[in-house]
Amino acid sequence: MYKCLFSNSKEENTICVDKCHKVFNNLDISIDKFREMYKEFRIGCCLRHVGIVEYKYFIRCDSPKAGKIEQEFHIIMELCGGGSLE
C-alpha cells in the first residue's frame, strides 16, 4: 500500500491510499487478481461505517512494453491518519 495524492474533476486533490498489484506476462494470474481485487472493491463500496475505510476508485491499467504485457490494478481508498498499519 502506498500513500498517494489523487486528483479528479469532482474533488480537490485528496491524500489517499493506493493498494496496487502488478502482473507481468501471465494472463491467468492477471484474471484471478482482477477478480479478487474488484470483488474486494465492490464489497468495500457497499460498507458504510465510521470504523471502515471508504473505498473510492478501482483503476485497471494495461501497458504493452517491448512484447511483454504489464497489468496494474489499483484500489484507491481514503487515508485514515493517526495509526500504523503494522
Foldseek 3Di string as FASTA:
>chain_A
DDWDFDDDPPDHTATWDKDKDKDKADPVVVVVVVVVVVVVLVVQCPDDDPVHWHWDDWDWDWDDDPNMIMIMIITIIHDDDDDDPD
